[in-house]
């Protein structure tokens, strides 16, 4: 039994999923490229990458906790390593475009160091029952 509305809805849904996959593929490819550059700049070997918990050392210099206990990314210009700076600039731009869209305030927040721009996007944890 064919239903035209259901077919149209399925087609729209499938197109939306494909658009999302296409958009995310570009971001993932860029993240992989930047991560490889980061690994090279820090002499991060195959063995180091495979050790439990060691990969966090790639990113440790890019974040801090403020006085209120918020976990924030550093401002890219505070980093001395140009590879870390490039990675962080891309990360912040990508996160904030997804978080806030094309909000006019983004450039001001970025320039002034506003925590809304630099906050690490995490949700509070809990247990599932």
PDB file of N, CA and C in Angstrom:
ATOM      1  N   UNK A   1       0.847  -1.155   0.000  1.00  0.00           N
ATOM      2  CA  UNK A   1       0.000   0.000   0.000  1.00  0.00           C
ATOM      3  C   UNK A   1       0.911   1.242   0.000  1.00  0.00           C
ATOM      4  N   UNK A   2       0.886   2.011  -1.052  1.00  0.00           N
ATOM      5  CA  UNK A   2       1.737   3.180  -1.218  1.00  0.00           C
ATOM      6  C   UNK A   2       1.038   4.424  -0.672  1.00  0.00           C
ATOM      7  N   UNK A   3       1.795   5.224   0.010  1.00  0.00           N
ATOM      8  CA  UNK A   3       1.280   6.479   0.526  1.00  0.00           C
ATOM      9  C   UNK A   3       2.207   7.591   0.042  1.00  0.00           C
ATOM     10  N   UNK A   4       1.687   8.496  -0.759  1.00  0.00           N
ATOM     11  CA  UNK A   4       2.498   9.552  -1.355  1.00  0.00           C
ATOM     12  C   UNK A   4       3.178  10.413  -0.285  1.00  0.00           C
ATOM     13  N   UNK A   5       2.453  10.810   0.736  1.00  0.00           N
ATOM     14  CA  UNK A   5       3.017  11.655   1.786  1.00  0.00           C
ATOM     15  C   UNK A   5       4.160  10.969   2.525  1.00  0.00           C
ATOM     16  N   UNK A   6       4.003   9.692   2.789  1.00  0.00           N
ATOM     17  CA  UNK A   6       5.050   8.932   3.465  1.00  0.00           C
ATOM     18  C   UNK A   6       6.289   8.826   2.581  1.00  0.00           C
ATOM     19  N   UNK A   7       6.086   8.625   1.288  1.00  0.00           N
ATOM     20  CA  UNK A   7       7.211   8.558   0.359  1.00  0.00           C
ATOM     21  C   UNK A   7       7.961   9.889   0.296  1.00  0.00           C
ATOM     22  N   UNK A   8       7.227  10.981   0.247  1.00  0.00           N
ATOM     23  CA  UNK A   8       7.847  12.305   0.205  1.00  0.00           C
ATOM     24  C   UNK A   8       8.611  12.568   1.496  1.00  0.00           C
ATOM     25  N   UNK A   9       8.008  12.238   2.619  1.00  0.00           N
ATOM     26  CA  UNK A   9       8.663  12.425   3.912  1.00  0.00           C
ATOM     27  C   UNK A   9       9.953  11.613   3.995  1.00  0.00           C
ATOM     28  N   UNK A  10       9.912  10.380   3.536  1.00  0.00           N
ATOM     29  CA  UNK A  10      11.111   9.533   3.543  1.00  0.00           C
ATOM     30  C   UNK A  10      12.199  10.114   2.651  1.00  0.00           C
ATOM     31  N   UNK A  11      11.818  10.639   1.518  1.00  0.00           N
ATOM     32  CA  UNK A  11      12.789  11.238   0.597  1.00  0.00           C
ATOM     33  C   UNK A  11      13.441  12.480   1.213  1.00  0.00           C
ATOM     34  N   UNK A  12      12.639  13.330   1.824  1.00  0.00           N
ATOM     35  CA  UNK A  12      13.164  14.535   2.478  1.00  0.00           C
ATOM     36  C   UNK A  12      14.105  14.143   3.621  1.00  0.00           C
ATOM     37  N   UNK A  13      13.714  13.170   4.401  1.00  0.00           N
ATOM     38  CA  UNK A  13      14.533  12.692   5.518  1.00  0.00           C
ATOM     39  C   UNK A  13      15.866  12.153   5.010  1.00  0.00           C
ATOM     40  N   UNK A  14      15.833  11.339   3.978  1.00  0.00           N
ATOM     41  CA  UNK A  14      17.064  10.764   3.433  1.00  0.00           C
ATOM     42  C   UNK A  14      17.989  11.849   2.870  1.00  0.00           C
ATOM     43  N   UNK A  15      17.416  12.856   2.218  1.00  0.00           N
ATOM     44  CA  UNK A  15      18.216  13.963   1.687  1.00  0.00           C
ATOM     45  C   UNK A  15      18.870  14.747   2.830  1.00  0.00           C
ATOM     46  N   UNK A  16      18.131  14.957   3.894  1.00  0.00           N
ATOM     47  CA  UNK A  16      18.684  15.679   5.052  1.00  0.00           C
ATOM     48  C   UNK A  16      19.846  14.902   5.672  1.00  0.00           C
ATOM     49  N   UNK A  17      19.680  13.601   5.813  1.00  0.00           N
ATOM     50  CA  UNK A  17      20.766  12.774   6.354  1.00  0.00           C
ATOM     51  C   UNK A  17      22.001  12.835   5.460  1.00  0.00           C
ATOM     52  N   UNK A  18      21.796  12.766   4.147  1.00  0.00           N
ATOM     53  CA  UNK A  18      22.922  12.815   3.222  1.00  0.00           C
ATOM     54  C   UNK A  18      23.632  14.168   3.288  1.00  0.00           C
ATOM     55  N   UNK A  19      22.857  15.240   3.389  1.00  0.00           N
ATOM     56  CA  UNK A  19      23.468  16.572   3.510  1.00  0.00           C
ATOM     57  C   UNK A  19      24.297  16.673   4.780  1.00  0.00           C
ATOM     58  N   UNK A  20      23.795  16.115   5.866  1.00  0.00           N
ATOM     59  CA  UNK A  20      24.530  16.124   7.133  1.00  0.00           C
ATOM     60  C   UNK A  20      25.813  15.317   7.006  1.00  0.00           C
ATOM     61  N   UNK A  21      25.719  14.134   6.406  1.00  0.00           N
ATOM     62  CA  UNK A  21      26.914  13.298   6.211  1.00  0.00           C
ATOM     63  C   UNK A  21      27.946  14.023   5.359  1.00  0.00           C
ATOM     64  N   UNK A  22      27.501  14.658   4.277  1.00  0.00           N
ATOM     65  CA  UNK A  22      28.420  15.376   3.391  1.00  0.00           C
ATOM     66  C   UNK A  22      29.134  16.507   4.137  1.00  0.00           C
ATOM     67  N   UNK A  23      28.365  17.273   4.916  1.00  0.00           N
ATOM     68  CA  UNK A  23      28.936  18.394   5.663  1.00  0.00           C
ATOM     69  C   UNK A  23      29.931  17.909   6.720  1.00  0.00           C
ATOM     70  N   UNK A  24      29.572  16.844   7.425  1.00  0.00           N
ATOM     71  CA  UNK A  24      30.441  16.320   8.473  1.00  0.00           C
ATOM     72  C   UNK A  24      31.696  15.672   7.891  1.00  0.00           C
ATOM     73  N   UNK A  25      31.596  15.092   6.711  1.00  0.00           N
ATOM     74  CA  UNK A  25      32.766  14.472   6.073  1.00  0.00           C
ATOM     75  C   UNK A  25      33.859  15.501   5.836  1.00  0.00           C
ATOM     76  N   UNK A  26      33.470  16.710   5.434  1.00  0.00           N
ATOM     77  CA  UNK A  26      34.450  17.771   5.206  1.00  0.00           C
ATOM     78  C   UNK A  26      35.139  18.164   6.509  1.00  0.00           C
ATOM     79  N   UNK A  27      34.357  18.292   7.575  1.00  0.00           N
ATOM     80  CA  UNK A  27      34.918  18.659   8.884  1.00  0.00           C
ATOM     81  C   UNK A  27      35.842  17.559   9.387  1.00  0.00           C
ATOM     82  N   UNK A  28      35.410  16.317   9.273  1.00  0.00           N
ATOM     83  CA  UNK A  28      36.213  15.189   9.756  1.00  0.00           C
ATOM     84  C   UNK A  28      37.535  15.111   9.004  1.00  0.00           C
ATOM     85  N   UNK A  29      37.496  15.321   7.699  1.00  0.00           N
ATOM     86  CA  UNK A  29      38.729  15.278   6.907  1.00  0.00           C
ATOM     87  C   UNK A  29      39.701  16.364   7.367  1.00  0.00           C
ATOM     88  N   UNK A  30      39.203  17.548   7.620  1.00  0.00           N
ATOM     89  CA  UNK A  30      40.054  18.657   8.076  1.00  0.00           C
ATOM     90  C   UNK A  30      40.611  18.382   9.476  1.00  0.00           C
ATOM     91  N   UNK A  31      39.795  17.833  10.363  1.00  0.00           N
ATOM     92  CA  UNK A  31      40.262  17.498  11.715  1.00  0.00           C
ATOM     93  C   UNK A  31      41.374  16.455  11.639  1.00  0.00           C
ATOM     94  N   UNK A  32      41.197  15.449  10.800  1.00  0.00           N
ATOM     95  CA  UNK A  32      42.248  14.414  10.653  1.00  0.00           C
ATOM     96  C   UNK A  32      43.552  15.031  10.136  1.00  0.00           C
ATOM     97  N   UNK A  33      43.436  15.915   9.162  1.00  0.00           N
ATOM     98  CA  UNK A  33      44.616  16.576   8.606  1.00  0.00           C
ATOM     99  C   UNK A  33      45.336  17.391   9.683  1.00  0.00           C
ATOM    100  N   UNK A  34      44.581  18.179  10.428  1.00  0.00           N
ATOM    101  CA  UNK A  34      45.179  19.002  11.485  1.00  0.00           C
ATOM    102  C   UNK A  34      45.746  18.155  12.616  1.00  0.00           C
ATOM    103  N   UNK A  35      45.078  17.047  12.940  1.00  0.00           N
ATOM    104  CA  UNK A  35      45.572  16.171  14.002  1.00  0.00           C
ATOM    105  C   UNK A  35      46.882  15.509  13.592  1.00  0.00           C
ATOM    106  N   UNK A  36      47.000  15.139  12.324  1.00  0.00           N
ATOM    107  CA  UNK A  36      48.254  14.547  11.848  1.00  0.00           C
ATOM    108  C   UNK A  36      49.399  15.557  11.950  1.00  0.00           C
ATOM    109  N   UNK A  37      49.134  16.817  11.598  1.00  0.00           N
ATOM    110  CA  UNK A  37      50.145  17.863  11.733  1.00  0.00           C
ATOM    111  C   UNK A  37      50.535  18.048  13.196  1.00  0.00           C
ATOM    112  N   UNK A  38      49.539  17.978  14.077  1.00  0.00           N
ATOM    113  CA  UNK A  38      49.782  18.121  15.508  1.00  0.00           C
ATOM    114  C   UNK A  38      50.659  16.980  16.020  1.00  0.00           C
ATOM    115  N   UNK A  39      50.353  15.770  15.592  1.00  0.00           N
ATOM    116  CA  UNK A  39      51.155  14.608  16.008  1.00  0.00           C
ATOM    117  C   UNK A  39      52.602  14.756  15.554  1.00  0.00           C
ATOM    118  N   UNK A  40      52.799  15.194  14.319  1.00  0.00           N
ATOM    119  CA  UNK A  40      54.162  15.371  13.812  1.00  0.00           C
ATOM    120  C   UNK A  40      54.903  16.442  14.597  1.00  0.00           C
ATOM    121  N   UNK A  41      54.230  17.548  14.889  1.00  0.00           N
ATOM    122  CA  UNK A  41      54.903  18.638  15.594  1.00  0.00           C
ATOM    123  C   UNK A  41      55.290  18.250  17.020  1.00  0.00           C
ATOM    124  N   UNK A  42      54.585  17.296  17.603  1.00  0.00           N
ATOM    125  CA  UNK A  42      54.873  16.862  18.974  1.00  0.00           C
ATOM    126  C   UNK A  42      55.592  15.518  19.013  1.00  0.00           C
ATOM    127  N   UNK A  43      56.081  15.057  17.847  1.00  0.00           N
ATOM    128  CA  UNK A  43      56.772  13.759  17.744  1.00  0.00           C
ATOM    129  C   UNK A  43      55.954  12.654  18.392  1.00  0.00           C
ATOM    130  N   UNK A  44      54.702  12.618  18.057  1.00  0.00           N
ATOM    131  CA  UNK A  44      53.773  11.654  18.638  1.00  0.00           C
ATOM    132  C   UNK A  44      53.827  10.364  17.831  1.00  0.00           C
ATOM    133  N   UNK A  45      54.428   9.334  18.377  1.00  0.00           N
ATOM    134  CA  UNK A  45      54.653   8.086  17.656  1.00  0.00           C
ATOM    135  C   UNK A  45      53.411   7.189  17.649  1.00  0.00           C
ATOM    136  N   UNK A  46      53.483   6.155  16.848  1.00  0.00           N
ATOM    137  CA  UNK A  46      52.415   5.158  16.758  1.00  0.00           C
ATOM    138  C   UNK A  46      52.159   4.540  18.133  1.00  0.00           C
ATOM    139  N   UNK A  47      53.229   4.220  18.852  1.00  0.00           N
ATOM    140  CA  UNK A  47      53.091   3.604  20.171  1.00  0.00           C
ATOM    141  C   UNK A  47      52.440   4.564  21.169  1.00  0.00           C
ATOM    142  N   UNK A  48      52.858   5.814  21.158  1.00  0.00           N
ATOM    143  CA  UNK A  48      52.256   6.796  22.050  1.00  0.00           C
ATOM    144  C   UNK A  48      50.761   6.946  21.784  1.00  0.00           C
ATOM    145  N   UNK A  49      50.415   6.908  20.525  1.00  0.00           N
ATOM    146  CA  UNK A  49      49.004   7.073  20.161  1.00  0.00           C
ATOM    147  C   UNK A  49      48.159   5.919  20.686  1.00  0.00           C
ATOM    148  N   UNK A  50      48.730   4.744  20.759  1.00  0.00           N
ATOM    149  CA  UNK A  50      47.981   3.560  21.170  1.00  0.00           C
ATOM    150  C   UNK A  50      47.922   3.367  22.683  1.00  0.00           C
ATOM    151  N   UNK A  51      48.745   4.067  23.436  1.00  0.00           N
ATOM    152  CA  UNK A  51      48.737   3.922  24.883  1.00  0.00           C
ATOM    153  C   UNK A  51      47.512   4.610  25.463  1.00  0.00           C
ATOM    154  N   UNK A  52      46.888   3.975  26.408  1.00  0.00           N
ATOM    155  CA  UNK A  52      45.666   4.488  27.023  1.00  0.00           C
ATOM    156  C   UNK A  52      45.908   5.842  27.663  1.00  0.00           C
ATOM    157  N   UNK A  53      45.077   6.794  27.314  1.00  0.00           N
ATOM    158  CA  UNK A  53      45.113   8.101  27.949  1.00  0.00           C
ATOM    159  C   UNK A  53      46.213   9.022  27.467  1.00  0.00           C
ATOM    160  N   UNK A  54      47.077   8.554  26.597  1.00  0.00           N
ATOM    161  CA  UNK A  54      48.199   9.370  26.191  1.00  0.00           C
ATOM    162  C   UNK A  54      47.824  10.415  25.141  1.00  0.00           C
ATOM    163  N   UNK A  55      46.773  10.181  24.374  1.00  0.00           N
ATOM    164  CA  UNK A  55      46.403  11.111  23.311  1.00  0.00           C
ATOM    165  C   UNK A  55      45.964  12.462  23.871  1.00  0.00           C
ATOM    166  N   UNK A  56      45.540  12.501  25.099  1.00  0.00           N
ATOM    167  CA  UNK A  56      45.129  13.763  25.721  1.00  0.00           C
ATOM    168  C   UNK A  56      46.300  14.746  25.765  1.00  0.00           C
ATOM    169  N   UNK A  57      47.521  14.225  25.763  1.00  0.00           N
ATOM    170  CA  UNK A  57      48.694  15.094  25.796  1.00  0.00           C
ATOM    171  C   UNK A  57      48.815  15.967  24.543  1.00  0.00           C
ATOM    172  N   UNK A  58      48.190  15.556  23.449  1.00  0.00           N
ATOM    173  CA  UNK A  58      48.187  16.377  22.236  1.00  0.00           C
ATOM    174  C   UNK A  58      47.450  17.698  22.470  1.00  0.00           C
ATOM    175  N   UNK A  59      46.431  17.664  23.303  1.00  0.00           N
ATOM    176  CA  UNK A  59      45.517  18.796  23.467  1.00  0.00           C
ATOM    177  C   UNK A  59      45.645  19.510  24.807  1.00  0.00           C
ATOM    178  N   UNK A  60      46.459  18.979  25.696  1.00  0.00           N
ATOM    179  CA  UNK A  60      46.548  19.491  27.075  1.00  0.00           C
ATOM    180  C   UNK A  60      46.880  20.987  27.125  1.00  0.00           C
ATOM    181  N   UNK A  61      47.694  21.455  26.237  1.00  0.00           N
ATOM    182  CA  UNK A  61      48.129  22.851  26.248  1.00  0.00           C
ATOM    183  C   UNK A  61      47.058  23.809  25.713  1.00  0.00           C
ATOM    184  N   UNK A  62      45.953  23.288  25.202  1.00  0.00           N
ATOM    185  CA  UNK A  62      44.956  24.127  24.543  1.00  0.00           C
ATOM    186  C   UNK A  62      43.773  24.499  25.424  1.00  0.00           C
ATOM    187  N   UNK A  63      43.715  23.998  26.653  1.00  0.00           N
ATOM    188  CA  UNK A  63      42.569  24.282  27.530  1.00  0.00           C
ATOM    189  C   UNK A  63      43.041  24.677  28.933  1.00  0.00           C
ATOM    190  N   UNK A  64      42.115  25.230  29.705  1.00  0.00           N
ATOM    191  CA  UNK A  64      42.384  25.570  31.103  1.00  0.00           C
ATOM    192  C   UNK A  64      41.043  25.678  31.837  1.00  0.00           C
ATOM    193  N   UNK A  65      41.115  25.711  33.151  1.00  0.00           N
ATOM    194  CA  UNK A  65      39.928  25.951  33.991  1.00  0.00           C
ATOM    195  C   UNK A  65      40.011  27.370  34.535  1.00  0.00           C
ATOM    196  N   UNK A  66      38.921  28.119  34.413  1.00  0.00           N
ATOM    197  CA  UNK A  66      38.927  29.478  34.968  1.00  0.00           C
ATOM    198  C   UNK A  66      38.563  29.442  36.455  1.00  0.00           C
ATOM    199  N   UNK A  67      38.481  30.608  37.080  1.00  0.00           N
ATOM    200  CA  UNK A  67      38.205  30.704  38.520  1.00  0.00           C
ATOM    201  C   UNK A  67      36.843  30.134  38.901  1.00  0.00           C
ATOM    202  N   UNK A  68      35.892  30.161  37.976  1.00  0.00           N
ATOM    203  CA  UNK A  68      34.548  29.640  38.247  1.00  0.00           C
ATOM    204  C   UNK A  68      34.451  28.133  38.017  1.00  0.00           C
ATOM    205  N   UNK A  69      35.530  27.514  37.554  1.00  0.00           N
ATOM    206  CA  UNK A  69      35.526  26.082  37.309  1.00  0.00           C
ATOM    207  C   UNK A  69      35.076  25.698  35.908  1.00  0.00           C
ATOM    208  N   UNK A  70      34.897  26.695  35.031  1.00  0.00           N
ATOM    209  CA  UNK A  70      34.528  26.394  33.643  1.00  0.00           C
ATOM    210  C   UNK A  70      35.761  25.900  32.898  1.00  0.00           C
ATOM    211  N   UNK A  71      35.546  24.911  32.049  1.00  0.00           N
ATOM    212  CA  UNK A  71      36.628  24.392  31.214  1.00  0.00           C
ATOM    213  C   UNK A  71      36.588  25.161  29.903  1.00  0.00           C
ATOM    214  N   UNK A  72      37.668  25.869  29.602  1.00  0.00           N
ATOM    215  CA  UNK A  72      37.699  26.744  28.431  1.00  0.00           C
ATOM    216  C   UNK A  72      38.885  26.414  27.536  1.00  0.00           C
ATOM    217  N   UNK A  73      38.692  26.681  26.230  1.00  0.00           N
ATOM    218  CA  UNK A  73      39.817  26.656  25.309  1.00  0.00           C
ATOM    219  C   UNK A  73      40.611  27.939  25.515  1.00  0.00           C
ATOM    220  N   UNK A  74      41.915  27.858  25.336  1.00  0.00           N
ATOM    221  CA  UNK A  74      42.732  29.064  25.382  1.00  0.00           C
ATOM    222  C   UNK A  74      42.493  29.870  24.104  1.00  0.00           C
ATOM    223  N   UNK A  75      42.852  31.119  24.137  1.00  0.00           N
ATOM    224  CA  UNK A  75      42.815  31.933  22.921  1.00  0.00           C
ATOM    225  C   UNK A  75      43.983  31.485  22.051  1.00  0.00           C
ATOM    226  N   UNK A  76      43.747  31.244  20.761  1.00  0.00           N
ATOM    227  CA  UNK A  76      44.821  30.730  19.898  1.00  0.00           C
ATOM    228  C   UNK A  76      46.094  31.573  19.922  1.00  0.00           C
ATOM    229  N   UNK A  77      45.958  32.891  20.047  1.00  0.00           N
ATOM    230  CA  UNK A  77      47.152  33.740  20.053  1.00  0.00           C
ATOM    231  C   UNK A  77      48.007  33.555  21.310  1.00  0.00           C
ATOM    232  N   UNK A  78      47.481  32.872  22.322  1.00  0.00           N
ATOM    233  CA  UNK A  78      48.251  32.591  23.541  1.00  0.00           C
ATOM    234  C   UNK A  78      49.201  31.402  23.352  1.00  0.00           C
ATOM    235  N   UNK A  79      48.995  30.628  22.294  1.00  0.00           N
ATOM    236  CA  UNK A  79      49.795  29.429  22.063  1.00  0.00           C
ATOM    237  C   UNK A  79      51.031  29.766  21.246  1.00  0.00           C
ATOM    238  N   UNK A  80      52.170  29.190  21.630  1.00  0.00           N
ATOM    239  CA  UNK A  80      53.416  29.466  20.913  1.00  0.00           C
ATOM    240  C   UNK A  80      53.582  28.563  19.688  1.00  0.00           C
ATOM    241  N   UNK A  81      53.001  27.386  19.709  1.00  0.00           N
ATOM    242  CA  UNK A  81      53.128  26.438  18.602  1.00  0.00           C
ATOM    243  C   UNK A  81      52.125  26.795  17.492  1.00  0.00           C
ATOM    244  N   UNK A  82      52.594  27.114  16.286  1.00  0.00           N
ATOM    245  CA  UNK A  82      51.682  27.491  15.198  1.00  0.00           C
ATOM    246  C   UNK A  82      50.736  26.359  14.778  1.00  0.00           C
ATOM    247  N   UNK A  83      51.158  25.119  14.969  1.00  0.00           N
ATOM    248  CA  UNK A  83      50.294  23.986  14.614  1.00  0.00           C
ATOM    249  C   UNK A  83      49.143  23.883  15.609  1.00  0.00           C
ATOM    250  N   UNK A  84      49.435  24.047  16.896  1.00  0.00           N
ATOM    251  CA  UNK A  84      48.373  24.074  17.907  1.00  0.00           C
ATOM    252  C   UNK A  84      47.416  25.230  17.638  1.00  0.00           C
ATOM    253  N   UNK A  85      47.965  26.382  17.281  1.00  0.00           N
ATOM    254  CA  UNK A  85      47.159  27.567  16.999  1.00  0.00           C
ATOM    255  C   UNK A  85      46.196  27.304  15.835  1.00  0.00           C
ATOM    256  N   UNK A  86      46.705  26.696  14.772  1.00  0.00           N
ATOM    257  CA  UNK A  86      45.866  26.386  13.603  1.00  0.00           C
ATOM    258  C   UNK A  86      44.746  25.407  13.979  1.00  0.00           C
ATOM    259  N   UNK A  87      45.103  24.373  14.755  1.00  0.00           N
ATOM    260  CA  UNK A  87      44.120  23.382  15.185  1.00  0.00           C
ATOM    261  C   UNK A  87      43.035  24.044  16.033  1.00  0.00           C
ATOM    262  N   UNK A  88      43.451  24.872  16.969  1.00  0.00           N
ATOM    263  CA  UNK A  88      42.512  25.513  17.879  1.00  0.00           C
ATOM    264  C   UNK A  88      41.616  26.524  17.160  1.00  0.00           C
ATOM    265  N   UNK A  89      42.167  27.277  16.229  1.00  0.00           N
ATOM    266  CA  UNK A  89      41.355  28.227  15.458  1.00  0.00           C
ATOM    267  C   UNK A  89      40.255  27.507  14.687  1.00  0.00           C
ATOM    268  N   UNK A  90      40.619  26.395  14.034  1.00  0.00           N
ATOM    269  CA  UNK A  90      39.617  25.623  13.293  1.00  0.00           C
ATOM    270  C   UNK A  90      38.570  25.045  14.237  1.00  0.00           C
ATOM    271  N   UNK A  91      39.024  24.501  15.353  1.00  0.00           N
ATOM    272  CA  UNK A  91      38.116  23.900  16.330  1.00  0.00           C
ATOM    273  C   UNK A  91      37.106  24.919  16.857  1.00  0.00           C
ATOM    274  N   UNK A  92      37.600  26.070  17.267  1.00  0.00           N
ATOM    275  CA  UNK A  92      36.719  27.108  17.809  1.00  0.00           C
ATOM    276  C   UNK A  92      35.734  27.619  16.763  1.00  0.00           C
ATOM    277  N   UNK A  93      36.208  27.833  15.563  1.00  0.00           N
ATOM    278  CA  UNK A  93      35.328  28.317  14.498  1.00  0.00           C
ATOM    279  C   UNK A  93      34.228  27.300  14.199  1.00  0.00           C
ATOM    280  N   UNK A  94      34.600  26.029  14.105  1.00  0.00           N
ATOM    281  CA  UNK A  94      33.634  24.973  13.796  1.00  0.00           C
ATOM    282  C   UNK A  94      32.611  24.812  14.919  1.00  0.00           C
ATOM    283  N   UNK A  95      33.081  24.750  16.147  1.00  0.00           N
ATOM    284  CA  UNK A  95      32.177  24.580  17.296  1.00  0.00           C
ATOM    285  C   UNK A  95      31.194  25.744  17.374  1.00  0.00           C
ATOM    286  N   UNK A  96      31.701  26.953  17.262  1.00  0.00           N
ATOM    287  CA  UNK A  96      30.839  28.115  17.457  1.00  0.00           C
ATOM    288  C   UNK A  96      29.883  28.358  16.305  1.00  0.00           C
ATOM    289  N   UNK A  97      30.267  28.003  15.091  1.00  0.00           N
ATOM    290  CA  UNK A  97      29.315  28.107  13.974  1.00  0.00           C
ATOM    291  C   UNK A  97      28.172  27.117  14.165  1.00  0.00           C
ATOM    292  N   UNK A  98      28.481  25.948  14.694  1.00  0.00           N
ATOM    293  CA  UNK A  98      27.424  24.961  14.951  1.00  0.00           C
ATOM    294  C   UNK A  98      26.617  25.325  16.186  1.00  0.00           C
ATOM    295  N   UNK A  99      27.263  25.887  17.179  1.00  0.00           N
ATOM    296  CA  UNK A  99      26.596  26.230  18.421  1.00  0.00           C
ATOM    297  C   UNK A  99      25.706  27.466  18.271  1.00  0.00           C
ATOM    298  N   UNK A 100      26.209  28.495  17.605  1.00  0.00           N
ATOM    299  CA  UNK A 100      25.500  29.771  17.555  1.00  0.00           C
ATOM    300  C   UNK A 100      25.036  30.194  16.160  1.00  0.00           C
ATOM    301  N   UNK A 101      25.385  29.447  15.125  1.00  0.00           N
ATOM    302  CA  UNK A 101      25.021  29.864  13.771  1.00  0.00           C
ATOM    303  C   UNK A 101      25.883  31.048  13.356  1.00  0.00           C
ATOM    304  N   UNK A 102      25.311  31.941  12.596  1.00  0.00           N
ATOM    305  CA  UNK A 102      26.052  33.116  12.123  1.00  0.00           C
ATOM    306  C   UNK A 102      25.750  34.338  12.973  1.00  0.00           C
ATOM    307  N   UNK A 103      25.788  34.154  14.260  1.00  0.00           N
ATOM    308  CA  UNK A 103      25.503  35.237  15.193  1.00  0.00           C
ATOM    309  C   UNK A 103      26.533  36.363  15.041  1.00  0.00           C
ATOM    310  N   UNK A 104      26.070  37.573  15.011  1.00  0.00           N
ATOM    311  CA  UNK A 104      26.946  38.734  14.812  1.00  0.00           C
ATOM    312  C   UNK A 104      27.944  38.906  15.951  1.00  0.00           C
ATOM    313  N   UNK A 105      27.593  38.452  17.131  1.00  0.00           N
ATOM    314  CA  UNK A 105      28.433  38.648  18.312  1.00  0.00           C
ATOM    315  C   UNK A 105      29.689  37.782  18.337  1.00  0.00           C
ATOM    316  N   UNK A 106      29.777  36.780  17.470  1.00  0.00           N
ATOM    317  CA  UNK A 106      30.899  35.836  17.531  1.00  0.00           C
ATOM    318  C   UNK A 106      32.259  36.524  17.432  1.00  0.00           C
ATOM    319  N   UNK A 107      32.413  37.434  16.505  1.00  0.00           N
ATOM    320  CA  UNK A 107      33.706  38.125  16.349  1.00  0.00           C
ATOM    321  C   UNK A 107      34.047  38.948  17.588  1.00  0.00           C
ATOM    322  N   UNK A 108      33.044  39.589  18.166  1.00  0.00           N
ATOM    323  CA  UNK A 108      33.271  40.373  19.386  1.00  0.00           C
ATOM    324  C   UNK A 108      33.659  39.445  20.528  1.00  0.00           C
ATOM    325  N   UNK A 109      32.943  38.351  20.694  1.00  0.00           N
ATOM    326  CA  UNK A 109      33.253  37.384  21.751  1.00  0.00           C
ATOM    327  C   UNK A 109      34.675  36.850  21.591  1.00  0.00           C
ATOM    328  N   UNK A 110      35.021  36.552  20.348  1.00  0.00           N
ATOM    329  CA  UNK A 110      36.360  36.023  20.057  1.00  0.00           C
ATOM    330  C   UNK A 110      37.426  37.052  20.418  1.00  0.00           C
ATOM    331  N   UNK A 111      37.235  38.278  20.007  1.00  0.00           N
ATOM    332  CA  UNK A 111      38.204  39.348  20.217  1.00  0.00           C
ATOM    333  C   UNK A 111      38.365  39.704  21.696  1.00  0.00           C
ATOM    334  N   UNK A 112      37.249  39.679  22.434  1.00  0.00           N
ATOM    335  CA  UNK A 112      37.294  40.098  23.846  1.00  0.00           C
ATOM    336  C   UNK A 112      37.568  38.955  24.816  1.00  0.00           C
ATOM    337  N   UNK A 113      37.627  37.719  24.325  1.00  0.00           N
ATOM    338  CA  UNK A 113      37.879  36.583  25.210  1.00  0.00           C
ATOM    339  C   UNK A 113      36.660  36.141  25.992  1.00  0.00           C
ATOM    340  N   UNK A 114      35.475  36.438  25.480  1.00  0.00           N
ATOM    341  CA  UNK A 114      34.221  36.072  26.152  1.00  0.00           C
ATOM    342  C   UNK A 114      34.135  34.553  26.333  1.00  0.00           C
ATOM    343  N   UNK A 115      33.838  34.076  27.552  1.00  0.00           N
ATOM    344  CA  UNK A 115      33.753  32.635  27.812  1.00  0.00           C
ATOM    345  C   UNK A 115      32.741  31.901  26.927  1.00  0.00           C
ATOM    346  N   UNK A 116      31.720  32.592  26.440  1.00  0.00           N
ATOM    347  CA  UNK A 116      30.747  31.927  25.563  1.00  0.00           C
ATOM    348  C   UNK A 116      31.412  31.402  24.301  1.00  0.00           C
ATOM    349  N   UNK A 117      32.432  32.083  23.830  1.00  0.00           N
ATOM    350  CA  UNK A 117      33.130  31.659  22.615  1.00  0.00           C
ATOM    351  C   UNK A 117      34.124  30.540  22.915  1.00  0.00           C
ATOM    352  N   UNK A 118      34.747  30.562  24.092  1.00  0.00           N
ATOM    353  CA  UNK A 118      35.846  29.646  24.402  1.00  0.00           C
ATOM    354  C   UNK A 118      35.456  28.447  25.263  1.00  0.00           C
ATOM    355  N   UNK A 119      34.207  28.348  25.695  1.00  0.00           N
ATOM    356  CA  UNK A 119      33.775  27.246  26.554  1.00  0.00           C
ATOM    357  C   UNK A 119      33.835  25.914  25.811  1.00  0.00           C
ATOM    358  N   UNK A 120      34.423  24.906  26.458  1.00  0.00           N
ATOM    359  CA  UNK A 120      34.465  23.547  25.889  1.00  0.00           C
ATOM    360  C   UNK A 120      33.055  22.989  25.966  1.00  0.00           C
ATOM    361  N   UNK A 121      32.509  22.522  24.836  1.00  0.00           N
ATOM    362  CA  UNK A 121      31.098  22.074  24.824  1.00  0.00           C
ATOM    363  C   UNK A 121      30.911  20.679  25.406  1.00  0.00           C
ATOM    364  N   UNK A 122      30.574  20.628  26.662  1.00  0.00           N
ATOM    365  CA  UNK A 122      30.302  19.361  27.338  1.00  0.00           C
ATOM    366  C   UNK A 122      28.954  19.441  28.041  1.00  0.00           C
ATOM    367  N   UNK A 123      28.313  18.313  28.126  1.00  0.00           N
ATOM    368  CA  UNK A 123      27.064  18.222  28.881  1.00  0.00           C
ATOM    369  C   UNK A 123      27.366  17.583  30.229  1.00  0.00           C
ATOM    370  N   UNK A 124      26.582  17.920  31.213  1.00  0.00           N
ATOM    371  CA  UNK A 124      26.748  17.310  32.526  1.00  0.00           C
ATOM    372  C   UNK A 124      26.477  15.819  32.431  1.00  0.00           C
ATOM    373  N   UNK A 125      27.309  15.056  33.080  1.00  0.00           N
ATOM    374  CA  UNK A 125      27.147  13.604  33.057  1.00  0.00           C
ATOM    375  C   UNK A 125      26.151  13.118  34.083  1.00  0.00           C
ATOM    376  N   UNK A 126      25.748  11.894  33.931  1.00  0.00           N
ATOM    377  CA  UNK A 126      24.820  11.285  34.865  1.00  0.00           C
ATOM    378  C   UNK A 126      24.732   9.803  34.567  1.00  0.00           C
ATOM    379  N   UNK A 127      23.939   9.126  35.328  1.00  0.00           N
ATOM    380  CA  UNK A 127      23.770   7.699  35.087  1.00  0.00           C
ATOM    381  C   UNK A 127      22.410   7.436  34.471  1.00  0.00           C
ATOM    382  N   UNK A 128      22.369   6.444  33.637  1.00  0.00           N
ATOM    383  CA  UNK A 128      21.114   6.059  32.987  1.00  0.00           C
ATOM    384  C   UNK A 128      20.497   4.932  33.800  1.00  0.00           C
ATOM    385  N   UNK A 129      19.246   5.083  34.114  1.00  0.00           N
ATOM    386  CA  UNK A 129      18.586   4.033  34.900  1.00  0.00           C
ATOM    387  C   UNK A 129      17.491   3.420  34.110  1.00  0.00           C
TER     388      UNK A 129
END
